[in-house]
N, C-alpha and C. Protein backbone atom coordinates (compact mmCIF):
# COMPACT_ATOMS: atom_id res chain seq x y z
N MET A 1 -26.12 -57.05 -32.60
CA MET A 1 -26.02 -55.61 -32.40
C MET A 1 -24.69 -55.28 -31.73
N LYS A 2 -23.94 -54.30 -32.34
CA LYS A 2 -22.63 -53.94 -31.83
C LYS A 2 -22.73 -53.07 -30.60
N LYS A 3 -21.92 -53.38 -29.58
CA LYS A 3 -21.89 -52.56 -28.38
C LYS A 3 -20.74 -51.56 -28.49
N THR A 4 -21.02 -50.34 -28.02
CA THR A 4 -19.98 -49.32 -27.99
C THR A 4 -19.29 -49.37 -26.64
N LEU A 5 -17.96 -49.51 -26.70
CA LEU A 5 -17.19 -49.60 -25.47
C LEU A 5 -16.67 -48.22 -25.09
N PHE A 6 -16.83 -47.82 -23.85
CA PHE A 6 -16.33 -46.55 -23.35
C PHE A 6 -15.10 -46.81 -22.47
N PHE A 7 -13.97 -46.35 -22.94
CA PHE A 7 -12.73 -46.50 -22.19
C PHE A 7 -12.57 -45.32 -21.25
N PRO A 8 -11.76 -45.48 -20.20
CA PRO A 8 -11.55 -44.38 -19.24
C PRO A 8 -11.16 -43.08 -19.90
N SER A 9 -10.30 -43.12 -20.93
CA SER A 9 -9.86 -41.89 -21.60
C SER A 9 -11.02 -41.21 -22.31
N MET A 10 -11.94 -42.02 -22.88
CA MET A 10 -13.11 -41.45 -23.55
C MET A 10 -14.03 -40.80 -22.54
N LEU A 11 -14.21 -41.47 -21.39
CA LEU A 11 -15.07 -40.91 -20.35
C LEU A 11 -14.50 -39.61 -19.82
N LEU A 12 -13.17 -39.54 -19.66
CA LEU A 12 -12.52 -38.32 -19.18
C LEU A 12 -12.72 -37.18 -20.17
N ALA A 13 -12.59 -37.48 -21.47
CA ALA A 13 -12.77 -36.45 -22.50
C ALA A 13 -14.19 -35.92 -22.49
N ILE A 14 -15.17 -36.82 -22.34
CA ILE A 14 -16.57 -36.41 -22.29
C ILE A 14 -16.82 -35.54 -21.07
N LEU A 15 -16.24 -35.94 -19.92
CA LEU A 15 -16.42 -35.18 -18.68
C LEU A 15 -15.84 -33.77 -18.82
N ILE A 16 -14.65 -33.65 -19.44
CA ILE A 16 -14.03 -32.33 -19.64
C ILE A 16 -14.90 -31.45 -20.51
N ILE A 17 -15.47 -32.02 -21.57
CA ILE A 17 -16.34 -31.25 -22.47
C ILE A 17 -17.57 -30.76 -21.73
N VAL A 18 -18.19 -31.67 -20.94
CA VAL A 18 -19.41 -31.31 -20.20
C VAL A 18 -19.11 -30.21 -19.20
N VAL A 19 -18.00 -30.35 -18.44
CA VAL A 19 -17.66 -29.36 -17.41
C VAL A 19 -17.36 -28.01 -18.04
N SER A 20 -16.59 -28.01 -19.14
CA SER A 20 -16.24 -26.73 -19.77
C SER A 20 -17.46 -26.04 -20.34
N CYS A 21 -18.40 -26.84 -20.84
CA CYS A 21 -19.62 -26.24 -21.40
C CYS A 21 -20.48 -25.61 -20.31
N THR A 22 -20.40 -26.17 -19.10
CA THR A 22 -21.27 -25.67 -18.04
C THR A 22 -20.62 -24.55 -17.24
N THR A 23 -19.26 -24.41 -17.33
CA THR A 23 -18.59 -23.39 -16.53
C THR A 23 -18.15 -22.18 -17.36
N ASN A 24 -17.75 -22.38 -18.59
CA ASN A 24 -17.34 -21.26 -19.43
C ASN A 24 -18.57 -20.44 -19.83
N ARG A 25 -18.36 -19.12 -19.98
CA ARG A 25 -19.48 -18.24 -20.32
C ARG A 25 -19.10 -17.37 -21.49
N SER A 26 -19.98 -17.27 -22.48
CA SER A 26 -19.80 -16.34 -23.58
C SER A 26 -20.59 -15.07 -23.26
N VAL A 27 -19.89 -13.94 -23.19
CA VAL A 27 -20.49 -12.67 -22.77
C VAL A 27 -20.19 -11.59 -23.79
N THR A 28 -21.19 -10.72 -24.03
CA THR A 28 -20.97 -9.57 -24.91
C THR A 28 -20.38 -8.42 -24.10
N TYR A 29 -19.28 -7.88 -24.56
CA TYR A 29 -18.61 -6.75 -23.92
C TYR A 29 -18.63 -5.55 -24.86
N THR A 30 -18.96 -4.37 -24.30
CA THR A 30 -18.72 -3.12 -25.00
C THR A 30 -17.50 -2.49 -24.35
N VAL A 31 -16.50 -2.13 -25.16
CA VAL A 31 -15.26 -1.56 -24.65
C VAL A 31 -15.20 -0.10 -25.05
N ALA A 32 -14.96 0.79 -24.09
CA ALA A 32 -14.98 2.23 -24.33
C ALA A 32 -13.78 2.68 -25.17
N SER A 33 -13.92 3.87 -25.75
CA SER A 33 -12.89 4.43 -26.62
C SER A 33 -11.68 4.94 -25.86
N GLU A 34 -11.76 5.01 -24.52
CA GLU A 34 -10.64 5.46 -23.71
C GLU A 34 -10.35 4.44 -22.62
N ALA A 35 -9.06 4.20 -22.39
CA ALA A 35 -8.64 3.43 -21.22
C ALA A 35 -8.24 4.44 -20.15
N ILE A 36 -8.05 3.96 -18.92
CA ILE A 36 -7.78 4.88 -17.82
C ILE A 36 -6.66 4.33 -16.95
N ASP A 37 -5.83 5.23 -16.43
CA ASP A 37 -4.83 4.82 -15.45
C ASP A 37 -5.55 4.29 -14.22
N CYS A 38 -5.09 3.19 -13.67
CA CYS A 38 -5.74 2.60 -12.50
C CYS A 38 -4.69 1.86 -11.69
N VAL A 39 -5.10 1.37 -10.55
CA VAL A 39 -4.17 0.66 -9.66
C VAL A 39 -4.80 -0.66 -9.26
N GLY A 40 -4.16 -1.76 -9.65
CA GLY A 40 -4.55 -3.07 -9.17
C GLY A 40 -3.56 -3.44 -8.08
N VAL A 41 -2.71 -4.44 -8.33
CA VAL A 41 -1.60 -4.67 -7.42
C VAL A 41 -0.46 -3.72 -7.73
N ALA A 42 -0.56 -3.03 -8.87
CA ALA A 42 0.42 -2.02 -9.28
C ALA A 42 -0.28 -1.08 -10.26
N PRO A 43 0.30 0.11 -10.51
CA PRO A 43 -0.29 1.01 -11.51
C PRO A 43 -0.36 0.35 -12.88
N GLN A 44 -1.45 0.57 -13.60
CA GLN A 44 -1.65 -0.05 -14.90
C GLN A 44 -2.70 0.74 -15.67
N LYS A 45 -2.98 0.32 -16.88
CA LYS A 45 -4.08 0.86 -17.67
C LYS A 45 -5.24 -0.11 -17.62
N CYS A 46 -6.45 0.41 -17.37
CA CYS A 46 -7.66 -0.41 -17.34
C CYS A 46 -8.55 -0.08 -18.52
N LEU A 47 -9.12 -1.12 -19.11
CA LEU A 47 -10.20 -0.91 -20.08
C LEU A 47 -11.46 -0.56 -19.31
N LEU A 48 -12.35 0.18 -19.96
CA LEU A 48 -13.69 0.44 -19.42
C LEU A 48 -14.66 -0.38 -20.23
N VAL A 49 -15.47 -1.20 -19.56
CA VAL A 49 -16.33 -2.13 -20.27
C VAL A 49 -17.75 -2.11 -19.71
N LYS A 50 -18.68 -2.49 -20.57
CA LYS A 50 -20.05 -2.81 -20.16
C LYS A 50 -20.30 -4.26 -20.54
N LYS A 51 -20.78 -5.03 -19.57
CA LYS A 51 -21.07 -6.44 -19.82
C LYS A 51 -22.55 -6.61 -20.12
N GLY A 52 -22.87 -7.23 -21.25
CA GLY A 52 -24.26 -7.46 -21.61
C GLY A 52 -25.02 -6.15 -21.71
N ASN A 53 -26.14 -6.05 -21.00
CA ASN A 53 -26.97 -4.84 -21.03
C ASN A 53 -26.70 -3.90 -19.85
N THR A 54 -25.60 -4.10 -19.14
CA THR A 54 -25.25 -3.22 -18.01
C THR A 54 -25.12 -1.78 -18.49
N PRO A 55 -25.79 -0.80 -17.82
CA PRO A 55 -25.77 0.58 -18.31
C PRO A 55 -24.50 1.35 -17.97
N ASN A 56 -23.76 0.92 -16.93
CA ASN A 56 -22.61 1.70 -16.45
C ASN A 56 -21.29 1.07 -16.86
N TRP A 57 -20.30 1.94 -17.11
CA TRP A 57 -18.96 1.48 -17.41
C TRP A 57 -18.31 0.94 -16.14
N GLU A 58 -17.54 -0.13 -16.27
CA GLU A 58 -16.80 -0.71 -15.16
C GLU A 58 -15.33 -0.83 -15.53
N TYR A 59 -14.45 -0.72 -14.52
CA TYR A 59 -13.02 -0.94 -14.76
C TYR A 59 -12.78 -2.43 -15.00
N MET A 60 -11.93 -2.74 -15.97
CA MET A 60 -11.52 -4.12 -16.20
C MET A 60 -10.02 -4.20 -15.98
N TYR A 61 -9.62 -4.95 -14.96
CA TYR A 61 -8.22 -4.98 -14.53
C TYR A 61 -7.43 -6.11 -15.19
N SER A 62 -8.09 -6.95 -15.98
CA SER A 62 -7.42 -8.02 -16.71
C SER A 62 -7.44 -7.71 -18.20
N SER A 63 -6.55 -8.38 -18.92
CA SER A 63 -6.55 -8.25 -20.38
C SER A 63 -7.47 -9.29 -20.99
N ILE A 64 -7.82 -9.08 -22.27
CA ILE A 64 -8.62 -10.04 -23.02
C ILE A 64 -7.70 -10.69 -24.04
N ASP A 65 -7.44 -11.96 -23.87
CA ASP A 65 -6.53 -12.68 -24.77
C ASP A 65 -7.04 -12.58 -26.22
N GLY A 66 -6.16 -12.16 -27.12
CA GLY A 66 -6.51 -12.09 -28.53
C GLY A 66 -7.09 -10.76 -28.97
N PHE A 67 -7.31 -9.84 -28.01
CA PHE A 67 -7.91 -8.54 -28.33
C PHE A 67 -6.83 -7.48 -28.43
N ASP A 68 -6.77 -6.79 -29.57
CA ASP A 68 -5.80 -5.72 -29.81
C ASP A 68 -6.52 -4.38 -29.69
N TYR A 69 -6.41 -3.74 -28.53
CA TYR A 69 -7.14 -2.50 -28.26
C TYR A 69 -6.43 -1.30 -28.87
N VAL A 70 -7.21 -0.43 -29.54
CA VAL A 70 -6.71 0.83 -30.08
C VAL A 70 -7.58 1.95 -29.52
N PRO A 71 -7.03 2.92 -28.78
CA PRO A 71 -7.83 4.03 -28.26
C PRO A 71 -8.50 4.81 -29.38
N GLY A 72 -9.67 5.39 -29.07
CA GLY A 72 -10.40 6.16 -30.07
C GLY A 72 -11.49 5.37 -30.76
N TYR A 73 -11.58 4.09 -30.45
CA TYR A 73 -12.60 3.23 -31.04
C TYR A 73 -13.42 2.58 -29.93
N GLU A 74 -14.73 2.48 -30.15
CA GLU A 74 -15.59 1.72 -29.23
C GLU A 74 -15.84 0.35 -29.86
N TYR A 75 -15.66 -0.69 -29.08
CA TYR A 75 -15.76 -2.06 -29.59
C TYR A 75 -16.97 -2.78 -28.98
N VAL A 76 -17.50 -3.71 -29.74
CA VAL A 76 -18.42 -4.71 -29.21
C VAL A 76 -17.75 -6.06 -29.46
N LEU A 77 -17.58 -6.83 -28.38
CA LEU A 77 -16.85 -8.09 -28.46
C LEU A 77 -17.69 -9.24 -27.90
N LYS A 78 -17.44 -10.42 -28.41
CA LYS A 78 -17.90 -11.65 -27.77
C LYS A 78 -16.70 -12.23 -27.04
N VAL A 79 -16.84 -12.43 -25.74
CA VAL A 79 -15.72 -12.85 -24.91
C VAL A 79 -16.08 -14.11 -24.14
N ASN A 80 -15.15 -15.05 -24.11
CA ASN A 80 -15.34 -16.26 -23.33
C ASN A 80 -14.71 -16.05 -21.95
N GLU A 81 -15.50 -16.21 -20.89
CA GLU A 81 -15.01 -16.11 -19.51
C GLU A 81 -14.74 -17.52 -18.99
N ILE A 82 -13.48 -17.80 -18.70
CA ILE A 82 -13.07 -19.14 -18.31
C ILE A 82 -12.59 -19.12 -16.86
N PRO A 83 -13.27 -19.79 -15.92
CA PRO A 83 -12.80 -19.83 -14.53
C PRO A 83 -11.43 -20.49 -14.43
N VAL A 84 -10.58 -19.92 -13.58
CA VAL A 84 -9.25 -20.46 -13.33
C VAL A 84 -9.16 -20.84 -11.87
N GLU A 85 -8.78 -22.08 -11.60
CA GLU A 85 -8.73 -22.56 -10.22
C GLU A 85 -7.36 -22.33 -9.61
N ASN A 86 -7.35 -22.24 -8.27
CA ASN A 86 -6.11 -22.18 -7.49
C ASN A 86 -5.21 -21.01 -7.90
N THR A 87 -5.82 -19.84 -8.08
CA THR A 87 -5.03 -18.67 -8.45
C THR A 87 -4.52 -17.98 -7.19
N PRO A 88 -3.36 -17.32 -7.24
CA PRO A 88 -2.89 -16.54 -6.09
C PRO A 88 -3.81 -15.36 -5.82
N ALA A 89 -3.68 -14.76 -4.64
CA ALA A 89 -4.60 -13.69 -4.21
C ALA A 89 -4.56 -12.48 -5.13
N ASP A 90 -3.40 -12.22 -5.78
CA ASP A 90 -3.29 -11.04 -6.62
C ASP A 90 -3.50 -11.33 -8.10
N ALA A 91 -4.03 -12.51 -8.41
CA ALA A 91 -4.26 -12.89 -9.81
C ALA A 91 -5.75 -13.04 -10.07
N SER A 92 -6.11 -12.97 -11.34
CA SER A 92 -7.51 -13.09 -11.72
C SER A 92 -8.00 -14.53 -11.60
N SER A 93 -9.22 -14.68 -11.14
CA SER A 93 -9.83 -16.01 -11.07
C SER A 93 -10.57 -16.35 -12.36
N ILE A 94 -10.54 -15.42 -13.32
CA ILE A 94 -11.20 -15.63 -14.61
C ILE A 94 -10.23 -15.26 -15.73
N ARG A 95 -10.17 -16.09 -16.73
CA ARG A 95 -9.39 -15.79 -17.94
C ARG A 95 -10.37 -15.32 -19.02
N TYR A 96 -10.04 -14.23 -19.69
CA TYR A 96 -10.91 -13.66 -20.70
C TYR A 96 -10.28 -13.89 -22.09
N VAL A 97 -11.04 -14.54 -22.97
CA VAL A 97 -10.54 -14.89 -24.30
C VAL A 97 -11.49 -14.36 -25.36
N LEU A 98 -10.95 -13.63 -26.33
CA LEU A 98 -11.77 -13.09 -27.41
C LEU A 98 -12.30 -14.21 -28.30
N ILE A 99 -13.61 -14.21 -28.51
CA ILE A 99 -14.23 -15.13 -29.46
C ILE A 99 -14.39 -14.45 -30.81
N LYS A 100 -14.91 -13.20 -30.76
CA LYS A 100 -15.19 -12.49 -32.01
C LYS A 100 -15.27 -10.99 -31.75
N GLU A 101 -14.69 -10.19 -32.65
CA GLU A 101 -14.86 -8.73 -32.63
C GLU A 101 -16.08 -8.41 -33.48
N VAL A 102 -17.19 -8.08 -32.82
CA VAL A 102 -18.46 -7.85 -33.52
C VAL A 102 -18.42 -6.53 -34.28
N SER A 103 -17.89 -5.47 -33.64
CA SER A 103 -17.81 -4.17 -34.30
C SER A 103 -16.68 -3.34 -33.72
N LYS A 104 -16.20 -2.39 -34.52
CA LYS A 104 -15.16 -1.44 -34.10
C LYS A 104 -15.51 -0.11 -34.74
N THR A 105 -15.96 0.86 -33.88
CA THR A 105 -16.49 2.13 -34.37
C THR A 105 -15.65 3.28 -33.85
N GLN A 106 -15.18 4.14 -34.76
CA GLN A 106 -14.40 5.30 -34.33
C GLN A 106 -15.35 6.35 -33.75
N LYS A 107 -15.25 6.59 -32.44
CA LYS A 107 -16.14 7.52 -31.75
C LYS A 107 -15.61 7.79 -30.34
N ASN A 108 -16.16 8.81 -29.70
CA ASN A 108 -15.90 9.05 -28.28
C ASN A 108 -17.04 8.42 -27.49
N SER A 109 -16.73 7.47 -26.65
CA SER A 109 -17.76 6.81 -25.86
C SER A 109 -18.44 7.80 -24.92
N GLU A 110 -19.72 7.60 -24.68
CA GLU A 110 -20.52 8.54 -23.88
C GLU A 110 -20.64 8.05 -22.43
N ASN A 111 -20.92 9.04 -21.55
CA ASN A 111 -21.20 8.77 -20.13
C ASN A 111 -20.07 8.01 -19.43
N LEU A 112 -18.83 8.43 -19.73
CA LEU A 112 -17.69 7.80 -19.07
C LEU A 112 -17.62 8.23 -17.61
N PRO A 113 -17.00 7.43 -16.73
CA PRO A 113 -16.90 7.79 -15.31
C PRO A 113 -16.17 9.11 -15.10
N LEU A 114 -16.43 9.74 -13.95
CA LEU A 114 -15.78 11.01 -13.63
C LEU A 114 -14.27 10.89 -13.64
N SER A 115 -13.75 9.73 -13.23
CA SER A 115 -12.31 9.55 -13.19
C SER A 115 -11.68 9.68 -14.57
N VAL A 116 -12.45 9.33 -15.62
CA VAL A 116 -11.95 9.47 -16.98
C VAL A 116 -12.10 10.91 -17.45
N VAL A 117 -13.26 11.48 -17.16
CA VAL A 117 -13.53 12.86 -17.56
C VAL A 117 -12.51 13.81 -16.95
N ASN A 118 -12.12 13.52 -15.71
CA ASN A 118 -11.20 14.41 -15.00
C ASN A 118 -9.74 13.99 -15.10
N SER A 119 -9.45 12.95 -15.87
CA SER A 119 -8.09 12.44 -15.91
C SER A 119 -7.11 13.42 -16.54
N LYS A 120 -7.63 14.38 -17.32
CA LYS A 120 -6.76 15.38 -17.93
C LYS A 120 -6.67 16.64 -17.08
N LYS A 121 -7.38 16.67 -15.98
CA LYS A 121 -7.32 17.80 -15.07
C LYS A 121 -6.30 17.54 -13.97
N GLU A 122 -6.11 18.54 -13.10
CA GLU A 122 -5.28 18.32 -11.94
C GLU A 122 -6.00 17.35 -10.99
N ALA A 123 -5.21 16.75 -10.11
CA ALA A 123 -5.80 15.82 -9.15
C ALA A 123 -6.74 16.56 -8.21
N TYR A 124 -7.60 15.79 -7.54
CA TYR A 124 -8.53 16.35 -6.55
C TYR A 124 -7.75 16.77 -5.31
N GLN A 125 -8.08 17.94 -4.77
CA GLN A 125 -7.41 18.42 -3.57
C GLN A 125 -8.42 19.02 -2.62
N TRP A 126 -8.26 18.72 -1.30
CA TRP A 126 -9.19 19.23 -0.31
C TRP A 126 -8.53 19.21 1.07
N VAL A 127 -9.15 19.93 2.00
CA VAL A 127 -8.74 19.89 3.41
C VAL A 127 -9.84 19.16 4.16
N GLY A 128 -9.45 18.28 5.06
CA GLY A 128 -10.47 17.52 5.79
C GLY A 128 -9.99 17.04 7.13
N ARG A 129 -10.94 16.75 8.01
CA ARG A 129 -10.65 16.22 9.34
C ARG A 129 -10.86 14.71 9.32
N VAL A 130 -9.90 13.99 9.84
CA VAL A 130 -9.96 12.53 9.85
C VAL A 130 -10.97 12.06 10.89
N VAL A 131 -11.95 11.29 10.45
CA VAL A 131 -13.00 10.76 11.33
C VAL A 131 -12.66 9.35 11.79
N ASP A 132 -12.09 8.56 10.90
CA ASP A 132 -11.78 7.17 11.23
C ASP A 132 -10.70 6.66 10.29
N ILE A 133 -9.94 5.67 10.73
CA ILE A 133 -8.90 5.03 9.92
C ILE A 133 -9.07 3.53 10.04
N GLU A 134 -9.00 2.85 8.91
CA GLU A 134 -9.24 1.41 8.90
C GLU A 134 -8.26 0.72 7.96
N ASN A 135 -7.68 -0.38 8.44
CA ASN A 135 -6.86 -1.23 7.57
C ASN A 135 -7.81 -2.20 6.85
N ILE A 136 -7.74 -2.23 5.53
CA ILE A 136 -8.69 -3.03 4.77
C ILE A 136 -7.95 -3.94 3.79
N SER A 137 -8.68 -4.92 3.29
CA SER A 137 -8.23 -5.74 2.18
C SER A 137 -9.12 -5.40 1.02
N THR A 138 -8.57 -4.76 0.03
CA THR A 138 -9.38 -4.24 -1.05
C THR A 138 -9.01 -4.86 -2.38
N GLY A 139 -9.84 -4.63 -3.37
CA GLY A 139 -9.60 -5.13 -4.72
C GLY A 139 -10.04 -4.13 -5.74
N ARG A 140 -9.71 -4.39 -6.98
CA ARG A 140 -10.10 -3.52 -8.09
C ARG A 140 -10.93 -4.32 -9.08
N GLY A 141 -12.05 -4.89 -8.57
CA GLY A 141 -12.86 -5.77 -9.42
C GLY A 141 -12.46 -7.22 -9.17
N ALA A 142 -13.33 -8.13 -9.58
CA ALA A 142 -13.12 -9.55 -9.31
C ALA A 142 -11.84 -10.07 -9.95
N ALA A 143 -11.41 -9.43 -11.05
CA ALA A 143 -10.26 -9.94 -11.78
C ALA A 143 -8.93 -9.56 -11.15
N ALA A 144 -8.92 -8.61 -10.22
CA ALA A 144 -7.66 -8.08 -9.75
C ALA A 144 -7.16 -8.70 -8.46
N GLY A 145 -7.99 -9.47 -7.77
CA GLY A 145 -7.58 -10.01 -6.50
C GLY A 145 -7.65 -8.97 -5.39
N LYS A 146 -7.08 -9.30 -4.22
CA LYS A 146 -7.14 -8.43 -3.05
C LYS A 146 -5.73 -8.03 -2.62
N PHE A 147 -5.63 -6.86 -1.98
CA PHE A 147 -4.36 -6.44 -1.40
C PHE A 147 -4.65 -5.48 -0.26
N PRO A 148 -3.72 -5.33 0.70
CA PRO A 148 -3.96 -4.49 1.87
C PRO A 148 -3.91 -3.01 1.52
N ALA A 149 -4.72 -2.20 2.22
CA ALA A 149 -4.72 -0.75 2.02
C ALA A 149 -5.19 -0.09 3.30
N VAL A 150 -4.97 1.22 3.39
CA VAL A 150 -5.44 2.01 4.53
C VAL A 150 -6.55 2.93 4.03
N LEU A 151 -7.72 2.81 4.65
CA LEU A 151 -8.88 3.60 4.26
C LEU A 151 -9.13 4.67 5.33
N VAL A 152 -9.23 5.93 4.88
CA VAL A 152 -9.44 7.05 5.78
C VAL A 152 -10.82 7.65 5.53
N LYS A 153 -11.60 7.76 6.60
CA LYS A 153 -12.91 8.43 6.54
C LYS A 153 -12.68 9.89 6.91
N ILE A 154 -13.17 10.80 6.06
CA ILE A 154 -12.81 12.22 6.19
C ILE A 154 -14.06 13.09 6.11
N MET A 155 -14.11 14.12 6.95
CA MET A 155 -15.11 15.17 6.80
C MET A 155 -14.43 16.35 6.10
N VAL A 156 -14.97 16.73 4.94
CA VAL A 156 -14.37 17.81 4.15
C VAL A 156 -14.62 19.15 4.84
N THR A 157 -13.55 19.93 5.05
CA THR A 157 -13.70 21.27 5.65
C THR A 157 -13.54 22.37 4.61
N SER A 158 -12.82 22.09 3.52
CA SER A 158 -12.77 23.02 2.39
C SER A 158 -12.24 22.26 1.17
N SER A 159 -12.66 22.71 -0.02
CA SER A 159 -12.26 22.01 -1.24
C SER A 159 -12.41 22.90 -2.45
N SER A 160 -11.52 22.69 -3.42
CA SER A 160 -11.62 23.40 -4.69
C SER A 160 -12.31 22.55 -5.75
N SER A 161 -12.66 21.31 -5.41
CA SER A 161 -13.31 20.40 -6.35
C SER A 161 -14.82 20.38 -6.10
N VAL A 162 -15.60 20.54 -7.17
CA VAL A 162 -17.06 20.61 -7.01
C VAL A 162 -17.64 19.29 -6.49
N GLU A 163 -16.93 18.17 -6.73
CA GLU A 163 -17.43 16.87 -6.28
C GLU A 163 -17.31 16.70 -4.77
N LEU A 164 -16.41 17.47 -4.13
CA LEU A 164 -16.12 17.30 -2.71
C LEU A 164 -16.67 18.50 -1.95
N LYS A 165 -17.88 18.37 -1.44
CA LYS A 165 -18.56 19.50 -0.81
C LYS A 165 -18.20 19.64 0.66
N GLU A 166 -18.08 20.88 1.11
CA GLU A 166 -17.76 21.16 2.50
C GLU A 166 -18.81 20.54 3.42
N GLY A 167 -18.34 19.85 4.46
CA GLY A 167 -19.24 19.20 5.41
C GLY A 167 -19.59 17.77 5.06
N SER A 168 -19.26 17.34 3.85
CA SER A 168 -19.60 15.97 3.44
C SER A 168 -18.58 14.97 3.95
N ILE A 169 -19.02 13.73 4.09
CA ILE A 169 -18.14 12.64 4.51
C ILE A 169 -17.71 11.87 3.26
N ILE A 170 -16.41 11.70 3.10
CA ILE A 170 -15.87 10.97 1.96
C ILE A 170 -14.88 9.93 2.46
N TYR A 171 -14.43 9.06 1.57
CA TYR A 171 -13.47 8.02 1.91
C TYR A 171 -12.30 8.09 0.94
N ALA A 172 -11.11 7.81 1.46
CA ALA A 172 -9.92 7.87 0.61
C ALA A 172 -8.95 6.76 0.99
N GLU A 173 -8.45 6.04 -0.03
CA GLU A 173 -7.36 5.09 0.19
C GLU A 173 -6.05 5.85 0.08
N ILE A 174 -5.24 5.82 1.14
CA ILE A 174 -3.99 6.56 1.10
C ILE A 174 -2.89 5.72 0.47
N LEU A 175 -1.89 6.42 -0.07
CA LEU A 175 -0.78 5.75 -0.72
C LEU A 175 -0.01 4.88 0.26
N LYS A 176 0.61 3.83 -0.25
CA LYS A 176 1.42 2.95 0.58
C LYS A 176 2.62 3.71 1.14
N ASN A 177 2.91 3.50 2.40
CA ASN A 177 4.03 4.15 3.07
C ASN A 177 4.03 5.67 2.90
N PRO A 178 2.97 6.34 3.35
CA PRO A 178 2.89 7.79 3.18
C PRO A 178 3.94 8.52 4.03
N LYS A 179 4.36 9.68 3.57
CA LYS A 179 5.31 10.48 4.35
C LYS A 179 4.64 11.00 5.62
N VAL A 180 3.35 11.31 5.52
CA VAL A 180 2.57 11.76 6.67
C VAL A 180 1.46 10.74 6.89
N TYR A 181 1.45 10.11 8.08
CA TYR A 181 0.38 9.16 8.37
C TYR A 181 -0.69 9.88 9.18
N PRO A 182 -1.95 9.88 8.72
CA PRO A 182 -2.99 10.67 9.38
C PRO A 182 -3.35 10.15 10.77
N VAL A 183 -3.83 11.07 11.61
CA VAL A 183 -4.26 10.76 12.97
C VAL A 183 -5.71 11.19 13.11
N ILE A 184 -6.53 10.35 13.73
CA ILE A 184 -7.96 10.66 13.91
C ILE A 184 -8.12 11.97 14.68
N GLY A 185 -9.00 12.83 14.18
CA GLY A 185 -9.30 14.10 14.83
C GLY A 185 -8.52 15.27 14.29
N ARG A 186 -7.45 15.02 13.52
CA ARG A 186 -6.63 16.11 12.98
C ARG A 186 -7.03 16.44 11.55
N GLU A 187 -6.72 17.68 11.14
CA GLU A 187 -6.96 18.14 9.77
C GLU A 187 -5.69 18.02 8.94
N TYR A 188 -5.89 17.67 7.66
CA TYR A 188 -4.77 17.54 6.73
C TYR A 188 -5.19 18.06 5.36
N VAL A 189 -4.19 18.28 4.53
CA VAL A 189 -4.43 18.51 3.11
C VAL A 189 -4.34 17.15 2.42
N PHE A 190 -5.36 16.83 1.61
CA PHE A 190 -5.38 15.57 0.88
C PHE A 190 -5.38 15.86 -0.62
N LYS A 191 -4.69 15.00 -1.35
CA LYS A 191 -4.66 15.12 -2.81
C LYS A 191 -4.77 13.72 -3.41
N ALA A 192 -5.79 13.50 -4.23
CA ALA A 192 -6.03 12.17 -4.80
C ALA A 192 -6.06 12.24 -6.32
N GLN A 193 -5.68 11.13 -6.94
CA GLN A 193 -5.60 11.10 -8.40
C GLN A 193 -6.94 10.76 -9.04
N TYR A 194 -7.72 9.87 -8.41
CA TYR A 194 -8.94 9.39 -9.03
C TYR A 194 -10.10 9.31 -8.05
N ILE A 195 -11.33 9.41 -8.58
CA ILE A 195 -12.54 9.06 -7.84
C ILE A 195 -13.05 7.73 -8.38
N HIS A 196 -13.37 6.83 -7.46
CA HIS A 196 -13.97 5.55 -7.86
C HIS A 196 -15.28 5.84 -8.58
N PRO A 197 -15.54 5.19 -9.73
CA PRO A 197 -16.73 5.53 -10.52
C PRO A 197 -18.07 5.24 -9.85
N ALA A 198 -18.15 4.21 -8.99
CA ALA A 198 -19.44 3.87 -8.38
C ALA A 198 -19.21 2.99 -7.16
N HIS A 199 -18.72 3.60 -6.08
CA HIS A 199 -18.43 2.82 -4.88
C HIS A 199 -19.64 2.80 -3.95
N ALA A 200 -19.84 1.69 -3.25
CA ALA A 200 -20.99 1.54 -2.35
C ALA A 200 -20.96 2.54 -1.20
N LYS A 201 -19.77 3.00 -0.81
CA LYS A 201 -19.66 3.94 0.30
C LYS A 201 -19.99 5.38 -0.12
N GLY A 202 -20.08 5.62 -1.40
CA GLY A 202 -20.31 6.99 -1.89
C GLY A 202 -19.05 7.53 -2.55
N ILE A 203 -18.66 8.77 -2.20
CA ILE A 203 -17.45 9.35 -2.79
C ILE A 203 -16.23 8.67 -2.20
N TYR A 204 -15.45 8.07 -3.07
CA TYR A 204 -14.35 7.20 -2.66
C TYR A 204 -13.17 7.51 -3.56
N LEU A 205 -12.08 8.02 -2.96
CA LEU A 205 -10.93 8.47 -3.74
C LEU A 205 -9.77 7.48 -3.64
N LEU A 206 -8.99 7.40 -4.72
CA LEU A 206 -7.90 6.45 -4.82
C LEU A 206 -6.57 7.18 -4.96
N GLU A 207 -5.50 6.49 -4.57
CA GLU A 207 -4.14 7.05 -4.67
C GLU A 207 -4.04 8.42 -3.99
N THR A 208 -4.36 8.46 -2.73
CA THR A 208 -4.43 9.72 -2.00
C THR A 208 -3.13 10.01 -1.25
N GLN A 209 -2.66 11.25 -1.40
CA GLN A 209 -1.51 11.74 -0.65
C GLN A 209 -2.00 12.52 0.56
N VAL A 210 -1.21 12.53 1.63
CA VAL A 210 -1.54 13.25 2.85
C VAL A 210 -0.44 14.26 3.16
N GLN A 211 -0.83 15.50 3.42
CA GLN A 211 0.15 16.55 3.77
C GLN A 211 -0.31 17.26 5.03
N ASP A 212 0.64 17.66 5.86
CA ASP A 212 0.30 18.42 7.06
C ASP A 212 -0.31 19.76 6.66
N LEU A 213 -1.30 20.19 7.42
CA LEU A 213 -1.95 21.46 7.18
C LEU A 213 -1.13 22.57 7.84
N VAL A 214 -0.73 23.56 7.04
CA VAL A 214 0.06 24.67 7.56
C VAL A 214 -0.87 25.85 7.79
N HIS A 215 -1.00 26.31 9.02
CA HIS A 215 -1.89 27.43 9.33
C HIS A 215 -1.14 28.75 9.19
């Protein structure tokens, strides 16, 4: 009876296959018909995606290798999620690779986040009193990594936006190196470009400018 000899190179190849099979993930993605301006480590365009049976759209800050996105179409994709080791803080820890484009349908995607619905309107503007200021390390999803930001907790005193009600507490990330740096207890005029679609803190605004309140 013949014996099969396993050489180190064969064992290494088998180990690589086993590891890749257990760590890589094939996931179904639905990609919305509109992309949105967003900020990771820099301003960029984000796809809006639903993973598997997830009901809500999420920002995707990384690209999908092999996927050619055209606005105005909703896609269903099979995507391979490949973990990447030893990535820098501002890089994705997952590489996304297109396996198959299941469908491409010309339509307007439904139930898009407020930030998309309002992207063609003027930015959000309100007057508010600063309750707290915090230096944070934030991210834009697992794929975008972390970067420093200043988070301002604000009590709204007046607003022209229906989403920002007088007396409510909201949160806003202010722009890097603002011309006016807010002080706790003072009122300012705030203007933000986007509302986070589903933040744990509640109403959470991004790319916020601060202006002195003129009485």
